[in-house]
Protein backbone atom coordinates (compact mmCIF):
# COMPACT_ATOMS: atom_id res chain seq x y z
CA MET A 1 24.35 -24.98 -3.57
CA GLY A 2 21.68 -25.51 -0.46
CA ASP A 3 23.12 -22.13 1.19
CA LEU A 4 21.81 -20.45 -2.24
CA VAL A 5 18.88 -22.05 -1.69
CA LEU A 6 18.59 -21.61 2.15
CA LEU A 7 18.99 -17.57 0.85
CA ILE A 8 16.66 -17.45 -1.61
CA VAL A 9 13.89 -19.19 0.49
CA SER A 10 14.39 -17.19 3.59
CA THR A 11 14.50 -13.73 1.26
CA ILE A 12 11.28 -15.15 -0.38
CA LEU A 13 9.69 -15.85 2.97
CA PHE A 14 10.87 -12.52 4.52
CA LEU A 15 9.34 -10.31 1.63
CA GLY A 16 5.93 -12.26 1.77
CA VAL A 17 6.07 -11.34 6.01
CA MET A 18 6.66 -7.52 5.40
CA TYR A 19 3.63 -7.47 2.30
CA LEU A 20 1.66 -9.25 5.20
CA ILE A 21 2.51 -6.67 7.86
CA ARG A 22 2.39 -3.66 5.21
CA GLY A 23 -1.49 -4.58 4.62
CA LEU A 24 -1.95 -5.11 8.08
CA VAL A 25 -0.28 -1.27 9.05
CA LEU A 26 -2.23 0.21 6.28
CA TRP A 27 -5.57 -1.39 7.20
CA TYR A 28 -5.02 -0.65 10.79
CA TYR A 29 -4.58 2.97 9.74
CA GLN A 30 -6.87 3.25 7.24
CA ILE A 31 -4.70 4.61 4.92
CA THR A 32 -5.89 3.81 1.48
CA LYS A 33 -9.57 5.27 2.58
CA ARG A 34 -7.85 8.29 3.54
CA VAL A 35 -6.13 7.94 0.21
CA GLU A 36 -9.36 7.42 -1.66
CA LEU A 37 -11.47 10.15 0.08
CA MET A 38 -8.34 12.66 -0.91
CA GLU A 39 -8.76 12.24 -4.40
CA GLU A 40 -12.70 12.40 -4.37
CA THR A 41 -12.40 15.85 -2.66
CA ASN A 42 -9.83 16.55 -5.19
CA ASN A 43 -12.03 15.79 -8.04
CA LEU A 44 -14.74 17.94 -6.08
CA LEU A 45 -12.65 20.85 -6.16
CA ARG A 46 -11.21 20.76 -9.94
CA LYS A 47 -15.05 20.35 -10.95
CA LEU A 48 -15.85 23.33 -8.79
CA LEU A 49 -12.83 25.21 -10.09
CA GLU A 50 -13.94 24.15 -13.76
CA LYS A 51 -17.54 25.76 -13.12
CA GLU A 52 -16.04 29.10 -12.14
């Protein structure tokens, strides 16, 4: 029973650390901002195409 609890706690801790590292990497490379800018660019291009 103790081994199972240790495994579950270790897994949850590992996933939490990975989630934090993911957030730091996304922040450092500003990936989320780039995606937002690309989506905005796509929307503006669609509007231009609709006008033609």
